């Protein structure tokens, strides 16, 4: 049977677990309809134990990204939660966000159809901030000052033509850091504004923030 997502909503599943478990997550997810995934290395930064949004404390993490039709994503996340016990402290979290279109894979063919997309009323948002290497801790501090409980830092690399320099006549690209913060919807605007002001993101080259709705969550809990 052809696996196609045409005219069906697609979700991006993000799972954050301890280092070494990423491959196990993908292997198990494939048994329930996922065609593949990508693993990133990250670092946890949470220092507040009131509400452990990312269930991490300065430890190495693996971030697993997987795409699937909404129905499959729901099933996979339910099964992952049972298998890896995200409902228990320190076992990781999983959440999903919607995708309006996808290109570059034979597993899905999707049309961008914002007019007919289901409008959701999420309880949480995911805030993504991309900044120069060394600035991620400032992002976390700004987020915590505005009410966030923590986040995850992922190393990345920029490629803007105005962001390159030369070393021994060779162009090099500055390293970047991506900070992921889950926020209660009521705090999202305040947290994003705090990050933007602290990092002076209104000035060119100082970073960028984007925000997505979170559809489903597993592993977020109150102590």
N, C-alpha and C. Protein backbone atom coordinates (compact mmCIF):
# COMPACT_ATOMS: atom_id res chain seq x y z
N UNK A 1 0.86 -1.20 0.00
CA UNK A 1 0.00 0.00 0.00
C UNK A 1 0.88 1.23 0.00
N UNK A 2 0.56 2.18 -0.83
CA UNK A 2 1.37 3.39 -0.91
C UNK A 2 1.14 4.25 0.31
N UNK A 3 2.23 4.70 0.91
CA UNK A 3 2.15 5.55 2.09
C UNK A 3 2.18 6.99 1.65
N UNK A 4 1.04 7.63 1.60
CA UNK A 4 0.97 9.01 1.13
C UNK A 4 0.17 9.84 2.11
N UNK A 5 0.57 11.12 2.26
CA UNK A 5 -0.12 12.00 3.20
C UNK A 5 -0.86 13.10 2.47
N UNK A 6 -1.13 12.90 1.15
CA UNK A 6 -1.81 13.92 0.39
C UNK A 6 -3.20 14.15 0.97
N UNK A 7 -3.51 15.44 1.17
CA UNK A 7 -4.79 15.85 1.72
C UNK A 7 -5.01 15.36 3.16
N UNK A 8 -3.96 14.91 3.83
CA UNK A 8 -4.04 14.52 5.23
C UNK A 8 -3.08 15.38 6.03
N UNK A 9 -3.47 15.68 7.25
CA UNK A 9 -2.60 16.49 8.09
C UNK A 9 -1.38 15.68 8.52
N UNK A 10 -0.24 16.33 8.51
CA UNK A 10 1.02 15.70 8.90
C UNK A 10 1.51 16.35 10.18
N UNK A 11 2.04 15.54 11.07
CA UNK A 11 2.60 16.07 12.32
C UNK A 11 4.08 15.73 12.41
N UNK A 12 4.80 16.60 13.07
CA UNK A 12 6.21 16.37 13.38
C UNK A 12 6.30 15.96 14.84
N UNK A 13 6.80 14.75 15.07
CA UNK A 13 6.98 14.25 16.43
C UNK A 13 8.39 14.59 16.89
N UNK A 14 8.49 15.15 18.07
CA UNK A 14 9.79 15.43 18.68
C UNK A 14 9.87 14.68 20.00
N UNK A 15 10.91 13.86 20.15
CA UNK A 15 11.11 13.10 21.38
C UNK A 15 12.48 13.48 21.95
N UNK A 16 12.52 13.83 23.21
CA UNK A 16 13.77 14.19 23.87
C UNK A 16 14.04 13.18 24.97
N UNK A 17 15.15 12.46 24.83
CA UNK A 17 15.48 11.38 25.76
C UNK A 17 16.95 11.44 26.13
N UNK A 18 17.34 10.62 27.09
CA UNK A 18 18.75 10.57 27.49
C UNK A 18 19.62 10.07 26.35
N UNK A 19 20.87 10.48 26.38
CA UNK A 19 21.82 10.10 25.34
C UNK A 19 21.89 8.58 25.19
N UNK A 20 21.82 8.11 23.95
CA UNK A 20 21.92 6.69 23.66
C UNK A 20 20.59 6.02 23.38
N UNK A 21 19.48 6.71 23.64
CA UNK A 21 18.16 6.10 23.44
C UNK A 21 17.51 6.48 22.11
N UNK A 22 18.11 7.41 21.38
CA UNK A 22 17.50 7.88 20.15
C UNK A 22 17.24 6.78 19.13
N UNK A 23 18.22 5.92 18.92
CA UNK A 23 18.07 4.82 17.96
C UNK A 23 16.97 3.86 18.39
N UNK A 24 16.85 3.64 19.69
CA UNK A 24 15.79 2.76 20.20
C UNK A 24 14.42 3.36 19.93
N UNK A 25 14.32 4.68 20.06
CA UNK A 25 13.05 5.37 19.80
C UNK A 25 12.63 5.16 18.35
N UNK A 26 13.56 5.40 17.42
CA UNK A 26 13.24 5.26 15.99
C UNK A 26 12.91 3.81 15.64
N UNK A 27 13.69 2.88 16.15
CA UNK A 27 13.44 1.46 15.88
C UNK A 27 12.06 1.04 16.34
N UNK A 28 11.67 1.47 17.52
CA UNK A 28 10.35 1.12 18.04
C UNK A 28 9.25 1.82 17.26
N UNK A 29 9.48 3.10 16.91
CA UNK A 29 8.47 3.86 16.17
C UNK A 29 8.21 3.24 14.79
N UNK A 30 9.24 2.69 14.16
CA UNK A 30 9.09 2.06 12.85
C UNK A 30 8.14 0.86 12.93
N UNK A 31 8.11 0.21 14.06
CA UNK A 31 7.21 -0.93 14.23
C UNK A 31 5.75 -0.51 14.26
N UNK A 32 5.51 0.81 14.39
CA UNK A 32 4.14 1.31 14.49
C UNK A 32 3.82 2.31 13.39
N UNK A 33 4.56 2.24 12.27
CA UNK A 33 4.17 3.02 11.11
C UNK A 33 5.06 4.18 10.72
N UNK A 34 6.07 4.51 11.53
CA UNK A 34 7.00 5.58 11.18
C UNK A 34 8.01 5.06 10.15
N UNK A 35 8.31 5.85 9.13
CA UNK A 35 9.23 5.39 8.08
C UNK A 35 10.69 5.71 8.39
N UNK A 36 10.95 6.63 9.30
CA UNK A 36 12.32 6.98 9.63
C UNK A 36 12.35 8.23 10.49
N UNK A 37 13.55 8.67 10.83
CA UNK A 37 13.68 9.84 11.68
C UNK A 37 15.10 10.38 11.67
N UNK A 38 15.29 11.48 12.36
CA UNK A 38 16.60 12.12 12.46
C UNK A 38 16.91 12.36 13.93
N UNK A 39 18.17 12.12 14.32
CA UNK A 39 18.60 12.29 15.70
C UNK A 39 19.58 13.45 15.80
N UNK A 40 19.32 14.36 16.72
CA UNK A 40 20.23 15.46 17.02
C UNK A 40 20.75 15.31 18.44
N UNK A 41 21.95 15.81 18.67
CA UNK A 41 22.49 15.84 20.02
C UNK A 41 22.16 17.18 20.67
N UNK A 42 21.83 17.14 21.94
CA UNK A 42 21.50 18.37 22.64
C UNK A 42 21.97 18.33 24.08
N UNK A 43 21.79 19.45 24.77
CA UNK A 43 22.17 19.56 26.17
C UNK A 43 21.01 20.14 26.94
N UNK A 44 20.66 19.50 28.06
CA UNK A 44 19.59 20.00 28.88
C UNK A 44 20.06 21.13 29.77
N UNK A 45 19.14 22.04 30.09
CA UNK A 45 19.52 23.22 30.88
C UNK A 45 18.61 23.48 32.06
N UNK A 46 17.63 22.63 32.29
CA UNK A 46 16.64 22.94 33.32
C UNK A 46 17.28 22.98 34.71
N UNK A 47 16.89 23.97 35.48
CA UNK A 47 17.42 24.13 36.84
C UNK A 47 16.30 24.34 37.87
N UNK A 48 15.08 24.44 37.38
CA UNK A 48 13.93 24.66 38.24
C UNK A 48 13.11 23.37 38.30
N UNK A 49 12.86 22.86 39.50
CA UNK A 49 12.19 21.56 39.63
C UNK A 49 10.69 21.69 39.88
N UNK A 50 10.13 22.89 39.83
CA UNK A 50 8.70 23.04 40.07
C UNK A 50 7.90 22.35 38.98
N UNK A 51 8.26 22.61 37.74
CA UNK A 51 7.59 21.97 36.61
C UNK A 51 8.65 21.65 35.58
N UNK A 52 9.03 20.39 35.42
CA UNK A 52 10.16 20.01 34.60
C UNK A 52 9.73 19.84 33.14
N UNK A 53 9.68 20.94 32.44
CA UNK A 53 9.18 20.91 31.08
C UNK A 53 10.01 19.99 30.20
N UNK A 54 11.33 20.01 30.38
CA UNK A 54 12.16 19.15 29.54
C UNK A 54 12.84 18.05 30.34
N UNK A 55 12.55 17.96 31.62
CA UNK A 55 12.97 16.82 32.42
C UNK A 55 14.47 16.59 32.30
N UNK A 56 15.27 17.65 32.34
CA UNK A 56 16.70 17.52 32.14
C UNK A 56 17.47 18.49 33.01
N UNK A 57 18.69 18.17 33.36
CA UNK A 57 19.49 19.02 34.23
C UNK A 57 20.95 18.92 33.82
N UNK A 58 21.34 19.74 32.86
CA UNK A 58 22.72 19.79 32.39
C UNK A 58 23.23 18.41 31.97
N UNK A 59 22.44 17.65 31.24
CA UNK A 59 22.86 16.34 30.77
C UNK A 59 22.74 16.27 29.26
N UNK A 60 23.48 15.33 28.69
CA UNK A 60 23.41 15.14 27.24
C UNK A 60 22.08 14.48 26.88
N UNK A 61 21.48 15.00 25.82
CA UNK A 61 20.20 14.50 25.37
C UNK A 61 20.26 14.18 23.89
N UNK A 62 19.33 13.34 23.45
CA UNK A 62 19.12 13.11 22.02
C UNK A 62 17.72 13.57 21.67
N UNK A 63 17.64 14.35 20.60
CA UNK A 63 16.37 14.87 20.11
C UNK A 63 16.03 14.11 18.83
N UNK A 64 14.92 13.41 18.82
CA UNK A 64 14.51 12.60 17.68
C UNK A 64 13.34 13.29 16.99
N UNK A 65 13.47 13.54 15.68
CA UNK A 65 12.40 14.13 14.89
C UNK A 65 11.88 13.10 13.90
N UNK A 66 10.55 12.94 13.84
CA UNK A 66 9.92 11.98 12.95
C UNK A 66 8.64 12.59 12.40
N UNK A 67 8.35 12.37 11.13
CA UNK A 67 7.13 12.87 10.52
C UNK A 67 6.14 11.74 10.27
N UNK A 68 4.85 12.04 10.41
CA UNK A 68 3.83 11.02 10.18
C UNK A 68 2.48 11.68 10.00
N UNK A 69 1.54 10.96 9.37
CA UNK A 69 0.15 11.43 9.34
C UNK A 69 -0.35 11.52 10.77
N UNK A 70 -1.31 12.42 10.98
CA UNK A 70 -1.78 12.70 12.34
C UNK A 70 -2.22 11.45 13.08
N UNK A 71 -2.98 10.58 12.41
CA UNK A 71 -3.46 9.36 13.07
C UNK A 71 -2.31 8.46 13.49
N UNK A 72 -1.34 8.32 12.59
CA UNK A 72 -0.16 7.50 12.91
C UNK A 72 0.64 8.13 14.03
N UNK A 73 0.80 9.45 13.98
CA UNK A 73 1.56 10.16 15.02
C UNK A 73 0.94 9.94 16.39
N UNK A 74 -0.40 9.98 16.44
CA UNK A 74 -1.10 9.78 17.70
C UNK A 74 -0.81 8.37 18.24
N UNK A 75 -0.93 7.38 17.37
CA UNK A 75 -0.69 6.00 17.79
C UNK A 75 0.75 5.80 18.25
N UNK A 76 1.69 6.32 17.47
CA UNK A 76 3.11 6.16 17.79
C UNK A 76 3.44 6.79 19.14
N UNK A 77 2.91 7.99 19.38
CA UNK A 77 3.21 8.66 20.64
C UNK A 77 2.62 7.91 21.83
N UNK A 78 1.42 7.36 21.64
CA UNK A 78 0.81 6.54 22.70
C UNK A 78 1.69 5.33 23.02
N UNK A 79 2.15 4.66 21.97
CA UNK A 79 2.97 3.46 22.16
C UNK A 79 4.33 3.80 22.74
N UNK A 80 4.91 4.91 22.28
CA UNK A 80 6.20 5.34 22.84
C UNK A 80 6.06 5.65 24.33
N UNK A 81 4.96 6.29 24.68
CA UNK A 81 4.73 6.63 26.08
C UNK A 81 4.64 5.38 26.95
N UNK A 82 3.96 4.34 26.43
CA UNK A 82 3.86 3.09 27.18
C UNK A 82 5.22 2.40 27.29
N UNK A 83 5.96 2.37 26.18
CA UNK A 83 7.22 1.65 26.13
C UNK A 83 8.31 2.34 26.95
N UNK A 84 8.44 3.65 26.77
CA UNK A 84 9.55 4.37 27.40
C UNK A 84 9.13 5.13 28.66
N UNK A 85 7.87 5.01 29.04
CA UNK A 85 7.39 5.52 30.34
C UNK A 85 7.66 7.01 30.53
N UNK A 86 7.24 7.81 29.54
CA UNK A 86 7.40 9.24 29.67
C UNK A 86 6.58 9.81 30.82
N UNK A 87 5.59 9.05 31.28
CA UNK A 87 4.76 9.50 32.38
C UNK A 87 5.49 9.43 33.72
N UNK A 88 6.71 8.87 33.72
CA UNK A 88 7.52 8.83 34.93
C UNK A 88 8.60 9.91 34.87
N UNK A 89 8.97 10.49 36.00
CA UNK A 89 10.03 11.51 36.01
C UNK A 89 11.34 10.99 35.42
N UNK A 90 12.02 11.87 34.68
CA UNK A 90 13.35 11.59 34.15
C UNK A 90 13.37 10.51 33.06
N UNK A 91 12.23 10.27 32.42
CA UNK A 91 12.18 9.30 31.33
C UNK A 91 12.05 9.96 29.97
N UNK A 92 12.06 11.29 29.94
CA UNK A 92 11.99 12.00 28.66
C UNK A 92 10.61 12.56 28.39
N UNK A 93 10.49 13.27 27.26
CA UNK A 93 9.20 13.81 26.86
C UNK A 93 9.01 13.61 25.36
N UNK A 94 7.77 13.72 24.93
CA UNK A 94 7.45 13.68 23.50
C UNK A 94 6.36 14.69 23.24
N UNK A 95 6.46 15.39 22.13
CA UNK A 95 5.39 16.31 21.74
C UNK A 95 5.32 16.34 20.22
N UNK A 96 4.21 16.82 19.70
CA UNK A 96 4.05 16.90 18.25
C UNK A 96 3.57 18.29 17.86
N UNK A 97 3.96 18.72 16.67
CA UNK A 97 3.50 19.98 16.10
C UNK A 97 3.00 19.70 14.69
N UNK A 98 2.19 20.60 14.16
CA UNK A 98 1.64 20.39 12.82
C UNK A 98 2.61 20.86 11.75
N UNK A 99 2.55 20.23 10.59
CA UNK A 99 3.35 20.60 9.42
C UNK A 99 2.38 21.00 8.31
N UNK A 100 2.60 22.18 7.71
CA UNK A 100 1.69 22.65 6.67
C UNK A 100 2.05 22.10 5.30
N UNK A 101 3.27 21.59 5.14
CA UNK A 101 3.68 21.03 3.86
C UNK A 101 5.00 20.33 4.00
N UNK A 102 5.28 19.38 3.15
CA UNK A 102 6.54 18.65 3.22
C UNK A 102 7.01 18.30 1.81
N UNK A 103 8.28 18.48 1.57
CA UNK A 103 8.90 18.18 0.28
C UNK A 103 10.18 17.40 0.51
N UNK A 104 10.64 16.69 -0.53
CA UNK A 104 11.94 16.04 -0.45
C UNK A 104 11.92 14.64 0.11
N UNK A 105 10.76 14.02 0.22
CA UNK A 105 10.70 12.65 0.69
C UNK A 105 9.63 11.89 -0.08
N UNK A 106 9.91 10.63 -0.40
CA UNK A 106 8.95 9.80 -1.11
C UNK A 106 7.88 9.23 -0.18
N UNK A 107 8.13 9.34 1.13
CA UNK A 107 7.19 8.78 2.09
C UNK A 107 5.90 9.58 2.16
N UNK A 108 6.00 10.89 1.88
CA UNK A 108 4.83 11.74 1.96
C UNK A 108 4.75 12.62 0.72
N UNK A 109 3.52 12.89 0.28
CA UNK A 109 3.30 13.95 -0.70
C UNK A 109 2.19 14.81 -0.13
N UNK A 110 2.53 16.03 0.21
CA UNK A 110 1.58 16.87 0.92
C UNK A 110 1.43 18.21 0.24
N UNK A 111 0.20 18.70 0.17
CA UNK A 111 -0.07 20.02 -0.34
C UNK A 111 -0.22 20.99 0.82
N UNK A 112 0.30 22.19 0.65
CA UNK A 112 0.14 23.21 1.66
C UNK A 112 -1.27 23.77 1.54
N UNK A 113 -2.07 23.61 2.58
CA UNK A 113 -3.48 24.00 2.53
C UNK A 113 -3.85 24.65 3.85
N UNK A 114 -3.39 25.87 4.04
CA UNK A 114 -3.65 26.56 5.29
C UNK A 114 -5.12 26.92 5.47
N UNK A 115 -5.85 27.14 4.36
CA UNK A 115 -7.24 27.55 4.47
C UNK A 115 -8.11 26.47 5.09
N UNK A 116 -7.81 25.20 4.77
CA UNK A 116 -8.63 24.10 5.24
C UNK A 116 -8.04 23.36 6.43
N UNK A 117 -6.92 23.90 6.97
CA UNK A 117 -6.32 23.25 8.13
C UNK A 117 -7.21 23.41 9.35
N UNK A 118 -7.23 22.37 10.14
CA UNK A 118 -8.00 22.44 11.38
C UNK A 118 -7.36 23.44 12.33
N UNK A 119 -8.16 24.33 12.89
CA UNK A 119 -7.65 25.31 13.84
C UNK A 119 -7.66 24.69 15.23
N UNK A 120 -6.53 24.67 15.89
CA UNK A 120 -6.41 24.03 17.18
C UNK A 120 -6.24 25.09 18.27
N UNK A 121 -6.50 24.71 19.50
CA UNK A 121 -6.33 25.60 20.62
C UNK A 121 -5.38 24.95 21.61
N UNK A 122 -4.08 25.04 21.34
CA UNK A 122 -3.10 24.29 22.14
C UNK A 122 -2.90 24.88 23.53
N UNK A 123 -2.50 24.05 24.47
CA UNK A 123 -2.16 24.51 25.81
C UNK A 123 -0.71 24.97 25.86
N UNK A 124 0.12 24.45 24.94
CA UNK A 124 1.54 24.77 24.96
C UNK A 124 2.00 25.25 23.58
N UNK A 125 3.10 26.00 23.60
CA UNK A 125 3.81 26.37 22.38
C UNK A 125 5.26 25.92 22.51
N UNK A 126 5.89 25.71 21.38
CA UNK A 126 7.33 25.48 21.36
C UNK A 126 7.99 26.75 20.82
N UNK A 127 8.90 27.31 21.58
CA UNK A 127 9.64 28.50 21.18
C UNK A 127 11.03 28.07 20.73
N UNK A 128 11.41 28.42 19.51
CA UNK A 128 12.72 28.08 18.97
C UNK A 128 13.50 29.36 18.76
N UNK A 129 14.67 29.46 19.37
CA UNK A 129 15.54 30.62 19.20
C UNK A 129 16.87 30.16 18.61
N UNK A 130 17.29 30.77 17.51
CA UNK A 130 18.56 30.45 16.87
C UNK A 130 19.51 31.62 17.08
N UNK A 131 20.62 31.36 17.76
CA UNK A 131 21.56 32.42 18.11
C UNK A 131 23.00 31.95 17.87
N UNK A 132 23.96 32.88 17.94
CA UNK A 132 25.36 32.52 17.80
C UNK A 132 25.80 31.63 18.96
N UNK A 133 26.80 30.80 18.71
CA UNK A 133 27.32 29.91 19.75
C UNK A 133 27.78 30.73 20.94
N UNK A 134 27.42 30.27 22.12
CA UNK A 134 27.78 30.97 23.33
C UNK A 134 26.67 31.85 23.88
N UNK A 135 25.61 32.03 23.09
CA UNK A 135 24.51 32.89 23.50
C UNK A 135 23.32 32.09 24.05
N UNK A 136 23.37 30.78 23.93
CA UNK A 136 22.22 29.96 24.33
C UNK A 136 21.87 30.12 25.81
N UNK A 137 22.89 30.20 26.66
CA UNK A 137 22.62 30.35 28.09
C UNK A 137 21.89 31.66 28.37
N UNK A 138 22.19 32.70 27.59
CA UNK A 138 21.48 33.97 27.76
C UNK A 138 20.01 33.81 27.38
N UNK A 139 19.77 33.01 26.35
CA UNK A 139 18.39 32.73 25.95
C UNK A 139 17.65 32.03 27.09
N UNK A 140 18.29 31.02 27.67
CA UNK A 140 17.68 30.28 28.77
C UNK A 140 17.40 31.21 29.95
N UNK A 141 18.38 32.04 30.29
CA UNK A 141 18.21 32.97 31.41
C UNK A 141 17.02 33.91 31.16
N UNK A 142 16.94 34.46 29.94
CA UNK A 142 15.85 35.37 29.60
C UNK A 142 14.51 34.65 29.68
N UNK A 143 14.47 33.40 29.21
CA UNK A 143 13.24 32.62 29.25
C UNK A 143 12.82 32.33 30.69
N UNK A 144 13.79 31.99 31.54
CA UNK A 144 13.48 31.69 32.93
C UNK A 144 13.01 32.93 33.68
N UNK A 145 13.59 34.08 33.34
CA UNK A 145 13.16 35.33 33.98
C UNK A 145 11.69 35.63 33.66
N UNK A 146 11.23 35.11 32.53
CA UNK A 146 9.84 35.36 32.11
C UNK A 146 8.90 34.22 32.49
N UNK A 147 9.42 33.22 33.20
CA UNK A 147 8.54 32.16 33.68
C UNK A 147 8.79 30.78 33.15
N UNK A 148 9.76 30.61 32.24
CA UNK A 148 10.08 29.28 31.71
C UNK A 148 10.80 28.46 32.76
N UNK A 149 10.69 27.13 32.64
CA UNK A 149 11.36 26.21 33.58
C UNK A 149 12.61 25.59 32.99
N UNK A 150 12.91 25.83 31.74
CA UNK A 150 14.12 25.24 31.16
C UNK A 150 13.99 25.07 29.67
N UNK A 151 14.98 24.41 29.07
CA UNK A 151 14.99 24.21 27.64
C UNK A 151 16.07 23.25 27.22
N UNK A 152 16.23 23.10 25.93
CA UNK A 152 17.25 22.22 25.36
C UNK A 152 18.07 23.00 24.35
N UNK A 153 19.39 22.84 24.41
CA UNK A 153 20.29 23.52 23.48
C UNK A 153 20.81 22.52 22.46
N UNK A 154 20.71 22.89 21.18
CA UNK A 154 21.21 22.05 20.09
C UNK A 154 22.25 22.84 19.31
N UNK A 155 23.40 22.23 19.07
CA UNK A 155 24.42 22.88 18.26
C UNK A 155 24.03 22.84 16.80
N UNK A 156 24.28 23.93 16.08
CA UNK A 156 23.95 24.01 14.66
C UNK A 156 25.01 24.86 13.96
N UNK A 157 24.76 25.18 12.69
CA UNK A 157 25.73 25.96 11.94
C UNK A 157 25.02 26.86 10.95
N UNK A 158 25.40 28.12 10.92
CA UNK A 158 24.77 29.07 10.02
C UNK A 158 25.45 29.09 8.67
N UNK A 159 24.75 29.60 7.65
CA UNK A 159 25.33 29.64 6.31
C UNK A 159 24.99 30.93 5.58
N UNK A 160 24.59 31.96 6.30
CA UNK A 160 24.27 33.23 5.66
C UNK A 160 25.51 33.86 5.05
N UNK A 161 25.35 34.53 3.91
CA UNK A 161 26.52 35.07 3.21
C UNK A 161 27.15 36.21 4.00
N UNK A 162 26.39 36.82 4.89
CA UNK A 162 26.93 37.91 5.67
C UNK A 162 27.47 37.42 7.01
N UNK A 163 27.43 36.10 7.23
CA UNK A 163 27.85 35.56 8.51
C UNK A 163 29.12 34.72 8.38
N UNK A 164 29.76 34.77 7.23
CA UNK A 164 30.97 33.97 7.04
C UNK A 164 32.20 34.82 7.23
N UNK A 165 33.29 34.18 7.60
CA UNK A 165 34.58 34.85 7.72
C UNK A 165 35.63 33.94 7.09
N UNK A 166 36.87 34.40 7.03
CA UNK A 166 37.91 33.60 6.39
C UNK A 166 39.04 33.29 7.36
N UNK A 167 39.53 32.09 7.26
CA UNK A 167 40.65 31.65 8.05
C UNK A 167 41.62 30.97 7.10
N UNK A 168 42.83 31.54 6.94
CA UNK A 168 43.81 31.03 5.98
C UNK A 168 43.18 30.92 4.59
N UNK A 169 42.43 31.98 4.21
CA UNK A 169 41.79 32.10 2.90
C UNK A 169 40.67 31.09 2.68
N UNK A 170 40.22 30.43 3.74
CA UNK A 170 39.12 29.48 3.63
C UNK A 170 37.90 30.06 4.35
N UNK A 171 36.74 30.05 3.65
CA UNK A 171 35.52 30.54 4.28
C UNK A 171 35.04 29.55 5.33
N UNK A 172 34.69 30.07 6.47
CA UNK A 172 34.14 29.22 7.53
C UNK A 172 32.80 29.79 7.95
N UNK A 173 31.93 28.94 8.42
CA UNK A 173 30.60 29.35 8.85
C UNK A 173 30.54 29.34 10.36
N UNK A 174 30.04 30.41 10.97
CA UNK A 174 29.99 30.45 12.43
C UNK A 174 29.02 29.41 12.98
N UNK A 175 29.37 28.81 14.10
CA UNK A 175 28.49 27.84 14.73
C UNK A 175 27.32 28.57 15.38
N UNK A 176 26.20 27.91 15.36
CA UNK A 176 24.98 28.45 15.95
C UNK A 176 24.50 27.52 17.05
N UNK A 177 23.61 28.03 17.86
CA UNK A 177 22.94 27.22 18.86
C UNK A 177 21.43 27.43 18.71
N UNK A 178 20.70 26.33 18.78
CA UNK A 178 19.24 26.38 18.74
C UNK A 178 18.73 26.07 20.14
N UNK A 179 17.89 26.91 20.65
CA UNK A 179 17.31 26.69 21.98
C UNK A 179 15.83 26.37 21.82
N UNK A 180 15.42 25.24 22.35
CA UNK A 180 14.01 24.83 22.33
C UNK A 180 13.42 25.00 23.73
N UNK A 181 12.34 25.74 23.81
CA UNK A 181 11.67 25.96 25.09
C UNK A 181 10.19 25.66 24.91
N UNK A 182 9.63 24.81 25.76
CA UNK A 182 8.19 24.60 25.75
C UNK A 182 7.58 25.58 26.75
N UNK A 183 6.53 26.25 26.31
CA UNK A 183 5.91 27.28 27.13
C UNK A 183 4.41 27.05 27.22
N UNK A 184 3.85 27.30 28.40
CA UNK A 184 2.40 27.38 28.48
C UNK A 184 1.96 28.53 27.58
N UNK A 185 0.85 28.34 26.90
CA UNK A 185 0.42 29.33 25.91
C UNK A 185 0.30 30.73 26.51
N UNK A 186 -0.14 30.81 27.76
CA UNK A 186 -0.34 32.10 28.40
C UNK A 186 0.97 32.85 28.64
N UNK A 187 2.10 32.12 28.64
CA UNK A 187 3.40 32.73 28.91
C UNK A 187 4.24 32.93 27.65
N UNK A 188 3.78 32.40 26.53
CA UNK A 188 4.60 32.39 25.32
C UNK A 188 5.05 33.78 24.89
N UNK A 189 4.12 34.70 24.80
CA UNK A 189 4.46 36.05 24.33
C UNK A 189 5.46 36.72 25.27
N UNK A 190 5.27 36.56 26.58
CA UNK A 190 6.17 37.17 27.56
C UNK A 190 7.57 36.58 27.45
N UNK A 191 7.66 35.25 27.30
CA UNK A 191 8.96 34.59 27.21
C UNK A 191 9.67 35.00 25.93
N UNK A 192 8.96 34.97 24.80
CA UNK A 192 9.57 35.34 23.53
C UNK A 192 10.05 36.79 23.55
N UNK A 193 9.27 37.67 24.14
CA UNK A 193 9.66 39.08 24.23
C UNK A 193 10.91 39.25 25.10
N UNK A 194 10.97 38.51 26.20
CA UNK A 194 12.12 38.58 27.09
C UNK A 194 13.40 38.14 26.39
N UNK A 195 13.30 37.04 25.62
CA UNK A 195 14.46 36.56 24.86
C UNK A 195 14.89 37.59 23.82
N UNK A 196 13.92 38.11 23.10
CA UNK A 196 14.21 39.07 22.04
C UNK A 196 14.90 40.32 22.58
N UNK A 197 14.42 40.81 23.71
CA UNK A 197 15.00 42.02 24.29
C UNK A 197 16.39 41.76 24.86
N UNK A 198 16.57 40.65 25.54
CA UNK A 198 17.87 40.35 26.15
C UNK A 198 18.95 40.11 25.10
N UNK A 199 18.56 39.48 23.99
CA UNK A 199 19.52 39.18 22.92
C UNK A 199 19.53 40.25 21.83
N UNK A 200 18.77 41.33 22.00
CA UNK A 200 18.72 42.43 21.03
C UNK A 200 18.43 41.92 19.62
N UNK A 201 17.39 41.09 19.51
CA UNK A 201 17.09 40.46 18.22
C UNK A 201 16.47 41.40 17.20
N UNK A 202 16.14 42.61 17.63
CA UNK A 202 15.66 43.59 16.67
C UNK A 202 16.80 44.13 15.81
N UNK A 203 18.04 43.87 16.24
CA UNK A 203 19.21 44.29 15.48
C UNK A 203 19.64 43.15 14.56
N UNK A 204 20.03 43.45 13.31
CA UNK A 204 20.40 42.42 12.33
C UNK A 204 21.53 41.52 12.85
N UNK A 205 21.38 40.22 12.58
CA UNK A 205 22.43 39.26 12.89
C UNK A 205 22.46 38.76 14.31
N UNK A 206 21.50 39.18 15.15
CA UNK A 206 21.53 38.78 16.55
C UNK A 206 20.66 37.56 16.86
N UNK A 207 20.03 37.00 15.85
CA UNK A 207 19.26 35.78 16.07
C UNK A 207 17.83 35.89 15.56
N UNK A 208 17.11 34.80 15.72
CA UNK A 208 15.73 34.73 15.24
C UNK A 208 14.94 33.82 16.17
N UNK A 209 13.66 34.12 16.30
CA UNK A 209 12.76 33.31 17.12
C UNK A 209 11.56 32.92 16.26
N UNK A 210 11.13 31.66 16.37
CA UNK A 210 9.84 31.29 15.81
C UNK A 210 9.10 30.41 16.79
N UNK A 211 7.79 30.42 16.65
CA UNK A 211 6.92 29.76 17.63
C UNK A 211 5.96 28.82 16.91
N UNK A 212 5.76 27.62 17.46
CA UNK A 212 4.83 26.65 16.90
C UNK A 212 3.86 26.17 17.97
N UNK A 213 2.66 25.78 17.52
CA UNK A 213 1.70 25.17 18.43
C UNK A 213 2.11 23.73 18.73
N UNK A 214 1.91 23.32 19.96
CA UNK A 214 2.13 21.93 20.35
C UNK A 214 0.78 21.23 20.38
N UNK A 215 0.67 20.13 19.65
CA UNK A 215 -0.61 19.42 19.54
C UNK A 215 -0.80 18.44 20.68
N UNK A 216 0.18 17.57 20.88
CA UNK A 216 0.11 16.57 21.94
C UNK A 216 1.40 16.59 22.75
N UNK A 217 1.30 16.25 24.01
CA UNK A 217 2.49 16.20 24.87
C UNK A 217 2.44 14.97 25.76
N UNK A 218 3.60 14.42 26.00
CA UNK A 218 3.77 13.33 26.97
C UNK A 218 5.02 13.63 27.76
N UNK A 219 4.96 13.46 29.06
CA UNK A 219 6.15 13.65 29.91
C UNK A 219 6.23 15.00 30.56
N UNK A 220 5.24 15.87 30.38
CA UNK A 220 5.19 17.12 31.11
C UNK A 220 4.39 16.89 32.36
N UNK A 221 4.96 17.24 33.51
CA UNK A 221 4.28 16.91 34.75
C UNK A 221 4.64 17.92 35.83
N UNK A 222 3.81 17.98 36.86
CA UNK A 222 4.08 18.79 38.04
C UNK A 222 4.66 17.89 39.12
N UNK A 223 5.69 18.41 39.79
CA UNK A 223 6.25 17.64 40.91
C UNK A 223 5.34 17.75 42.11
